[in-house]
Amino acid sequence: MTFELVYPDWSVGGHRLTEHVLISLDAGSNLNRIQITFDGSGSSDSLQFACGLVKRNATTTSRDNDNHWVGLWGPTTNDTANGSLGTGIVFSPSSFDMFTEDQDQYLVIGRTKVGHPFVYYCGAGWTRSGDFATGADWKVYLNDFARRLLFPLEIKIHED
């Protein structure tokens, strides 16, 4: 499934920019692929952007600087019958800048240029789905996903 959002132009550093967001989710994946392009004046201008995970009570935070991901794991609510939830963001190395946080969110900071698309992945895993029993399972999933981005499958066809 894929859909696109276009946000009307807004002012950033004195330039008018329009944001195009293309979101897709492959069957069987827990992470959405999000491609964002900022269009507007100043096509050589570098932009810094942030993606975040909202801080929740009683969650554990994990991050991997080498594989460019951050994740949370913890109870969905105070009722243990609702299970635990993992949320995560995975960045491509080409746009990753750093991890930081503010009072409300764990943030991944990236860089891009006007007119150049960048891609990141975000999503969640829930114990009641049956796919993730523990926070360790969620961390393995995020790490494996990020490693596949760093070392994608290559197919070569040789004709004899």
Protein backbone atom coordinates (compact mmCIF):
# COMPACT_ATOMS: atom_id res chain seq x y z
CA MET A 1 0.00 0.00 0.00
CA THR A 2 1.28 3.46 -0.90
CA PHE A 3 -0.18 6.92 -0.51
CA GLU A 4 1.10 10.48 -0.89
CA LEU A 5 0.58 13.60 1.19
CA VAL A 6 1.41 17.09 -0.03
CA TYR A 7 1.65 19.87 2.53
CA PRO A 8 1.14 23.44 1.24
CA ASP A 9 4.18 25.68 1.14
CA TRP A 10 5.46 27.17 4.37
CA SER A 11 8.39 29.39 5.28
CA VAL A 12 11.69 27.84 6.35
CA GLY A 13 14.65 30.15 6.84
CA GLY A 14 13.16 32.73 4.51
CA HIS A 15 12.36 30.22 1.73
CA ARG A 16 8.95 28.85 0.75
CA LEU A 17 8.96 25.03 0.75
CA THR A 18 6.36 22.40 -0.14
CA GLU A 19 6.64 19.00 1.52
CA HIS A 20 5.83 15.82 -0.43
CA VAL A 21 5.52 12.65 1.67
CA LEU A 22 5.22 9.22 0.06
CA ILE A 23 4.36 6.49 2.60
CA SER A 24 4.35 2.78 1.83
CA LEU A 25 4.18 -0.44 3.80
CA ASP A 26 5.22 -3.82 2.44
CA ALA A 27 3.19 -6.86 3.44
CA GLY A 28 4.78 -8.52 6.47
CA SER A 29 6.83 -5.47 7.48
CA ASN A 30 6.45 -3.57 10.73
CA LEU A 31 8.14 -0.45 9.38
CA ASN A 32 6.65 2.07 6.96
CA ARG A 33 8.92 3.45 4.24
CA ILE A 34 8.65 7.24 4.27
CA GLN A 35 10.12 9.28 1.43
CA ILE A 36 10.10 13.04 1.86
CA THR A 37 11.02 15.71 -0.66
CA PHE A 38 11.04 19.43 0.06
CA ASP A 39 10.50 21.51 -3.08
CA GLY A 40 10.92 25.23 -3.38
CA SER A 41 13.44 27.99 -3.86
CA GLY A 42 17.12 27.42 -3.19
CA SER A 43 17.65 23.96 -4.69
CA SER A 44 21.19 23.78 -3.27
CA ASP A 45 20.10 24.67 0.25
CA SER A 46 20.81 22.09 2.93
CA LEU A 47 18.01 21.39 5.41
CA GLN A 48 18.14 19.78 8.81
CA PHE A 49 15.08 17.80 9.88
CA ALA A 50 13.97 15.70 12.85
CA CYS A 51 11.91 12.53 13.31
CA GLY A 52 10.84 11.48 16.78
CA LEU A 53 9.44 8.83 19.06
CA VAL A 54 7.17 10.09 21.81
CA LYS A 55 8.46 9.27 25.29
CA ARG A 56 6.12 6.90 27.14
CA ASN A 57 6.12 5.89 30.78
CA ALA A 58 8.04 2.74 31.74
CA THR A 59 9.70 2.29 28.34
CA THR A 60 13.28 1.27 27.61
CA THR A 61 15.19 3.18 24.95
CA SER A 62 17.74 1.56 22.64
CA ARG A 63 19.76 3.03 19.82
CA ASP A 64 22.47 1.93 17.46
CA ASN A 65 24.77 4.66 16.11
CA ASP A 66 26.39 2.34 13.57
CA ASN A 67 23.11 1.12 12.08
CA HIS A 68 21.22 4.42 12.55
CA TRP A 69 18.15 3.30 14.50
CA VAL A 70 16.40 4.20 17.74
CA GLY A 71 13.67 2.18 19.42
CA LEU A 72 11.43 2.10 22.48
CA TRP A 73 9.91 -0.88 24.26
CA GLY A 74 7.39 -0.93 27.08
CA PRO A 75 3.81 -1.41 28.19
CA THR A 76 1.08 -0.01 25.97
CA THR A 77 -1.00 1.02 28.99
CA ASN A 78 -1.10 0.43 32.75
CA ASP A 79 -3.17 -2.72 32.09
CA THR A 80 -0.72 -5.59 31.46
CA ALA A 81 -3.40 -7.42 29.44
CA ASN A 82 -2.69 -4.91 26.65
CA GLY A 83 0.86 -6.19 26.26
CA SER A 84 3.99 -4.29 25.29
CA LEU A 85 4.73 -2.11 22.30
CA GLY A 86 7.94 -1.37 20.46
CA THR A 87 8.31 1.72 18.28
CA GLY A 88 11.28 2.52 16.10
CA ILE A 89 12.92 4.71 13.49
CA VAL A 90 15.60 3.52 11.06
CA PHE A 91 17.56 6.03 8.98
CA SER A 92 19.66 5.57 5.89
CA PRO A 93 23.31 6.47 6.47
CA SER A 94 23.21 9.12 3.72
CA SER A 95 20.79 11.35 5.65
CA PHE A 96 21.62 10.47 9.29
CA ASP A 97 23.22 13.22 11.38
CA MET A 98 22.75 12.40 15.09
CA PHE A 99 20.49 11.28 17.94
CA THR A 100 19.21 13.72 20.56
CA GLU A 101 16.14 14.20 22.73
CA ASP A 102 13.95 16.87 24.18
CA GLN A 103 11.43 16.79 27.02
CA ASP A 104 8.82 14.85 25.01
CA GLN A 105 10.63 12.87 22.29
CA TYR A 106 13.69 10.86 21.32
CA LEU A 107 14.84 12.47 18.08
CA VAL A 108 16.79 11.41 15.03
CA ILE A 109 18.31 14.40 13.22
CA GLY A 110 19.05 14.21 9.52
CA ARG A 111 20.13 16.38 6.61
CA THR A 112 18.87 16.71 3.06
CA LYS A 113 18.80 19.22 0.23
CA VAL A 114 15.83 20.97 -1.30
CA GLY A 115 14.58 18.92 -4.24
CA HIS A 116 16.37 15.73 -3.14
CA PRO A 117 14.24 12.94 -1.64
CA PHE A 118 15.33 11.22 1.55
CA VAL A 119 13.99 8.00 3.02
CA TYR A 120 13.56 6.72 6.56
CA TYR A 121 11.52 3.93 8.12
CA CYS A 122 9.32 3.98 11.20
CA GLY A 123 6.75 1.74 12.77
CA ALA A 124 5.86 -0.53 15.65
CA GLY A 125 5.68 -4.08 16.95
CA TRP A 126 3.26 -5.38 19.57
CA THR A 127 3.44 -8.44 21.79
CA ARG A 128 -0.18 -9.30 21.03
CA SER A 129 0.66 -9.61 17.32
CA GLY A 130 2.69 -12.69 18.18
CA ASP A 131 5.76 -11.37 16.32
CA PHE A 132 7.62 -9.89 19.30
CA ALA A 133 7.66 -11.44 22.76
CA THR A 134 10.28 -9.15 24.32
CA GLY A 135 12.11 -5.89 23.88
CA ALA A 136 15.15 -7.91 22.83
CA ASP A 137 13.11 -9.34 19.92
CA TRP A 138 12.20 -5.80 18.84
CA LYS A 139 15.85 -4.67 18.98
CA VAL A 140 16.91 -7.64 16.84
CA TYR A 141 14.20 -6.75 14.32
CA LEU A 142 15.34 -3.09 14.10
CA ASN A 143 18.99 -4.08 13.84
CA ASP A 144 18.34 -6.71 11.14
CA PHE A 145 16.18 -4.25 9.18
CA ALA A 146 18.89 -1.57 9.36
CA ARG A 147 21.61 -4.03 8.30
CA ARG A 148 19.57 -5.02 5.24
CA LEU A 149 19.46 -1.33 4.27
CA LEU A 150 23.22 -1.08 4.63
CA PHE A 151 23.83 -4.30 2.69
CA PRO A 152 20.92 -4.74 0.26
CA LEU A 153 20.38 -7.90 -1.71
CA GLU A 154 21.98 -7.69 -5.15
CA ILE A 155 20.86 -9.87 -8.02
CA LYS A 156 23.05 -10.26 -11.10
CA ILE A 157 21.92 -12.09 -14.19
CA HIS A 158 24.66 -13.56 -16.31
CA GLU A 159 23.84 -14.65 -19.80
CA ASP A 160 25.89 -17.50 -21.24
